[in-house]
């Protein structure tokens, strides 16, 4: 299967050259020129790696990398920049980049660095937690937790939109609408139940609250499995 890469740079000449060059080296390369759109794609789509320019117009590639890592993006990220100062390179690596390539560069070097990071990711990437519907369990490694029916439904809903905040009202309408004895506060109660049962250290994700936006999963989202 051809490895899919996302190139994030606001210079169309550079992105065009990178897409052509990487395609010739056997990759499937796509380009994005805005940090906000790139972050959304990194969270939602499957890529084998990303190449991020340090300067993205008014935005910062370093801040993009930091935000991507904070939201659970684990794919290899290479930063690309004309800035060769050691402090600039250190800033990129500290933000979460796996490597830093200084312009001008050769495609052979870039591809070699990409392949090193791809192999490293294959050996280091943790397995995601698994949701088993029939037994209502969440498991990873030697750790397994059984949830109530409503807890499992809530986690499954958050998983279906991992990284995207779901408003409290939408969660209530999906899981509790029609139950006259309930109000939207029940969502917070069940979010609390899940947080107590599911340790981020064990399961690789957390349920976060985004003010005025709702609740979302941060980290490596679980996957559905069968008994």
Protein backbone atom coordinates (compact mmCIF):
# COMPACT_ATOMS: atom_id res chain seq x y z
CA UNK A 1 0.00 0.00 0.00
CA UNK A 2 1.37 3.43 -0.97
CA UNK A 3 2.31 5.55 2.04
CA UNK A 4 0.21 8.69 2.22
CA UNK A 5 1.87 11.94 3.30
CA UNK A 6 0.51 15.39 4.14
CA UNK A 7 2.68 18.36 3.17
CA UNK A 8 1.88 21.52 5.10
CA UNK A 9 3.36 24.66 3.53
CA UNK A 10 1.88 27.97 2.38
CA UNK A 11 4.20 28.28 -0.65
CA UNK A 12 2.51 26.62 -3.66
CA UNK A 13 5.83 26.29 -5.53
CA UNK A 14 7.36 24.33 -2.66
CA UNK A 15 4.32 22.11 -2.14
CA UNK A 16 4.11 21.41 -5.88
CA UNK A 17 7.78 20.42 -6.00
CA UNK A 18 7.44 18.24 -2.89
CA UNK A 19 4.34 16.48 -4.21
CA UNK A 20 6.05 15.73 -7.54
CA UNK A 21 9.30 14.61 -5.94
CA UNK A 22 7.72 12.41 -3.31
CA UNK A 23 5.39 10.86 -5.88
CA UNK A 24 8.45 9.86 -7.90
CA UNK A 25 9.82 8.20 -4.77
CA UNK A 26 6.70 6.08 -4.36
CA UNK A 27 4.62 8.16 -1.95
CA UNK A 28 1.09 9.49 -2.26
CA UNK A 29 1.52 13.15 -1.30
CA UNK A 30 -1.16 15.74 -0.61
CA UNK A 31 -0.77 19.41 0.32
CA UNK A 32 -2.46 21.76 2.79
CA UNK A 33 -1.57 25.44 3.17
CA UNK A 34 -3.48 26.43 6.33
CA UNK A 35 -2.56 25.40 9.85
CA UNK A 36 -6.16 25.03 11.07
CA UNK A 37 -7.20 22.83 8.14
CA UNK A 38 -4.00 20.82 8.40
CA UNK A 39 -4.58 20.15 12.10
CA UNK A 40 -8.12 18.97 11.41
CA UNK A 41 -6.90 16.61 8.68
CA UNK A 42 -4.11 15.22 10.85
CA UNK A 43 -6.65 14.45 13.56
CA UNK A 44 -9.24 12.86 11.27
CA UNK A 45 -7.41 11.25 8.35
CA UNK A 46 -4.89 8.43 8.10
CA UNK A 47 -1.41 9.52 7.00
CA UNK A 48 1.91 7.71 7.20
CA UNK A 49 3.68 10.99 7.96
CA UNK A 50 3.65 14.76 7.61
CA UNK A 51 6.12 17.39 6.43
CA UNK A 52 5.54 20.75 8.10
CA UNK A 53 7.20 24.04 7.19
CA UNK A 54 8.16 26.18 10.16
CA UNK A 55 6.64 29.31 8.61
CA UNK A 56 3.02 29.06 7.50
CA UNK A 57 2.25 32.67 6.65
CA UNK A 58 0.83 34.21 9.82
CA UNK A 59 0.79 30.81 11.52
CA UNK A 60 3.58 28.81 13.10
CA UNK A 61 4.42 25.30 12.01
CA UNK A 62 5.93 24.69 15.43
CA UNK A 63 2.66 25.57 17.13
CA UNK A 64 0.82 23.34 14.67
CA UNK A 65 3.05 20.41 15.61
CA UNK A 66 2.56 21.14 19.30
CA UNK A 67 -1.23 21.24 18.88
CA UNK A 68 -1.20 18.03 16.83
CA UNK A 69 0.75 16.15 19.50
CA UNK A 70 -1.50 17.53 22.25
CA UNK A 71 -4.55 16.17 20.42
CA UNK A 72 -3.07 12.69 20.09
CA UNK A 73 -1.55 12.73 16.60
CA UNK A 74 1.26 10.15 16.69
CA UNK A 75 2.41 9.89 13.07
CA UNK A 76 6.00 10.85 12.13
CA UNK A 77 6.42 14.60 11.56
CA UNK A 78 9.38 16.18 9.79
CA UNK A 79 9.85 19.93 10.00
CA UNK A 80 11.19 21.79 6.99
CA UNK A 81 12.79 25.22 7.21
CA UNK A 82 15.44 27.58 5.91
CA UNK A 83 16.21 28.35 9.55
CA UNK A 84 19.29 26.35 10.47
CA UNK A 85 20.04 27.87 13.88
CA UNK A 86 20.31 25.23 16.59
CA UNK A 87 17.68 27.03 18.69
CA UNK A 88 15.17 26.86 15.82
CA UNK A 89 15.81 23.16 15.38
CA UNK A 90 15.52 22.57 19.11
CA UNK A 91 12.17 24.42 19.20
CA UNK A 92 10.77 22.17 16.47
CA UNK A 93 11.94 19.00 18.15
CA UNK A 94 10.70 20.09 21.56
CA UNK A 95 7.27 20.79 20.04
CA UNK A 96 7.08 17.13 19.01
CA UNK A 97 8.68 16.89 15.57
CA UNK A 98 10.62 13.69 14.91
CA UNK A 99 13.22 15.26 12.62
CA UNK A 100 14.20 18.64 11.20
CA UNK A 101 15.35 19.13 7.60
CA UNK A 102 17.07 22.36 6.59
CA UNK A 103 16.60 23.91 3.14
CA UNK A 104 18.06 23.44 0.64
CA UNK A 105 17.96 19.66 0.81
CA UNK A 106 18.16 16.69 -1.51
CA UNK A 107 15.13 14.48 -2.06
CA UNK A 108 17.27 11.44 -1.36
CA UNK A 109 18.04 12.79 2.11
CA UNK A 110 14.41 13.76 2.75
CA UNK A 111 13.13 10.35 1.69
CA UNK A 112 15.78 8.57 3.75
CA UNK A 113 14.75 10.54 6.84
CA UNK A 114 11.08 9.81 6.17
CA UNK A 115 11.70 6.10 5.89
CA UNK A 116 13.71 6.00 9.10
CA UNK A 117 10.83 7.65 10.96
CA UNK A 118 8.24 5.37 9.35
CA UNK A 119 10.12 2.27 10.52
CA UNK A 120 10.55 3.73 13.98
CA UNK A 121 6.83 4.49 14.20
CA UNK A 122 5.93 0.92 13.24
CA UNK A 123 7.96 -0.48 16.12
CA UNK A 124 6.95 2.11 18.73
CA UNK A 125 3.30 2.88 18.01
CA UNK A 126 1.08 1.55 20.82
CA UNK A 127 -1.98 -0.49 20.02
CA UNK A 128 -5.21 1.46 20.53
CA UNK A 129 -7.70 0.42 23.18
CA UNK A 130 -10.52 -1.79 21.91
CA UNK A 131 -14.25 -1.45 22.46
CA UNK A 132 -16.17 -4.73 22.46
CA UNK A 133 -19.89 -4.06 22.08
CA UNK A 134 -21.29 -7.41 23.20
CA UNK A 135 -19.40 -7.44 26.50
CA UNK A 136 -19.30 -3.62 26.85
CA UNK A 137 -15.60 -3.75 27.66
CA UNK A 138 -12.70 -1.41 26.96
CA UNK A 139 -9.37 -3.20 26.92
CA UNK A 140 -5.72 -2.63 26.15
CA UNK A 141 -2.83 -4.94 27.00
CA UNK A 142 -3.62 -6.62 30.32
CA UNK A 143 -6.13 -3.97 31.41
CA UNK A 144 -9.87 -4.36 30.83
CA UNK A 145 -12.83 -2.40 32.18
CA UNK A 146 -16.51 -3.30 31.89
CA UNK A 147 -18.87 -0.37 31.39
CA UNK A 148 -22.59 0.02 31.92
CA UNK A 149 -24.76 0.16 28.83
CA UNK A 150 -25.07 3.96 28.99
CA UNK A 151 -21.36 4.48 29.72
CA UNK A 152 -20.44 2.33 26.74
CA UNK A 153 -22.85 4.18 24.46
CA UNK A 154 -21.36 7.52 25.56
CA UNK A 155 -17.80 6.36 24.94
CA UNK A 156 -18.77 4.93 21.55
CA UNK A 157 -20.33 8.27 20.60
CA UNK A 158 -17.20 10.20 21.61
CA UNK A 159 -15.06 7.68 19.73
CA UNK A 160 -17.10 8.12 16.56
CA UNK A 161 -16.05 11.78 16.50
CA UNK A 162 -12.62 11.48 18.14
CA UNK A 163 -10.89 14.83 18.45
CA UNK A 164 -14.08 16.74 17.62
CA UNK A 165 -16.00 18.37 20.48
CA UNK A 166 -19.60 17.19 20.79
CA UNK A 167 -21.92 19.69 22.50
CA UNK A 168 -23.54 18.57 25.75
CA UNK A 169 -26.98 19.10 24.25
CA UNK A 170 -26.21 16.87 21.26
CA UNK A 171 -24.99 14.10 23.54
CA UNK A 172 -28.12 14.40 25.67
CA UNK A 173 -30.40 14.32 22.62
CA UNK A 174 -28.64 11.22 21.27
CA UNK A 175 -28.55 9.18 24.49
CA UNK A 176 -31.20 10.54 26.87
CA UNK A 177 -33.87 12.33 24.85
CA UNK A 178 -37.34 11.16 25.84
CA UNK A 179 -36.43 10.34 29.42
CA UNK A 180 -38.45 12.97 31.26
CA UNK A 181 -36.57 12.51 34.54
CA UNK A 182 -33.24 13.52 33.00
CA UNK A 183 -31.71 16.84 32.06
CA UNK A 184 -28.43 17.77 30.39
CA UNK A 185 -26.53 17.54 33.69
CA UNK A 186 -26.71 13.76 33.36
CA UNK A 187 -24.11 14.03 30.59
CA UNK A 188 -21.58 15.51 33.04
CA UNK A 189 -22.36 12.76 35.54
CA UNK A 190 -21.61 10.00 33.03
CA UNK A 191 -18.52 11.79 31.72
CA UNK A 192 -17.33 11.71 35.33
CA UNK A 193 -18.01 7.98 35.56
CA UNK A 194 -15.93 7.31 32.45
CA UNK A 195 -13.06 9.48 33.61
CA UNK A 196 -12.87 7.55 36.88
CA UNK A 197 -12.89 4.17 35.15
CA UNK A 198 -10.57 4.91 32.22
CA UNK A 199 -7.04 5.98 33.10
CA UNK A 200 -5.17 7.80 30.34
CA UNK A 201 -2.00 5.92 31.31
CA UNK A 202 -3.75 2.59 30.76
CA UNK A 203 -5.94 3.35 27.75
CA UNK A 204 -4.07 6.08 25.86
CA UNK A 205 -6.85 8.66 25.71
CA UNK A 206 -8.67 11.17 27.90
CA UNK A 207 -12.08 12.79 27.79
CA UNK A 208 -11.53 16.54 27.64
CA UNK A 209 -13.87 19.47 28.02
CA UNK A 210 -13.66 22.37 25.55
CA UNK A 211 -15.43 25.36 27.05
CA UNK A 212 -18.64 26.28 25.23
CA UNK A 213 -17.96 23.51 22.70
CA UNK A 214 -18.48 20.22 24.46
CA UNK A 215 -16.58 17.02 25.21
CA UNK A 216 -14.02 15.22 23.06
CA UNK A 217 -11.43 12.43 23.14
CA UNK A 218 -7.78 13.47 23.29
CA UNK A 219 -5.11 10.88 22.54
CA UNK A 220 -5.18 7.61 20.63
CA UNK A 221 -8.87 6.90 20.06
CA UNK A 222 -10.10 3.35 20.75
CA UNK A 223 -11.34 1.09 17.97
CA UNK A 224 -14.39 -1.18 17.84
CA UNK A 225 -13.80 -4.89 17.96
CA UNK A 226 -15.92 -8.03 18.12
CA UNK A 227 -16.09 -10.74 20.78
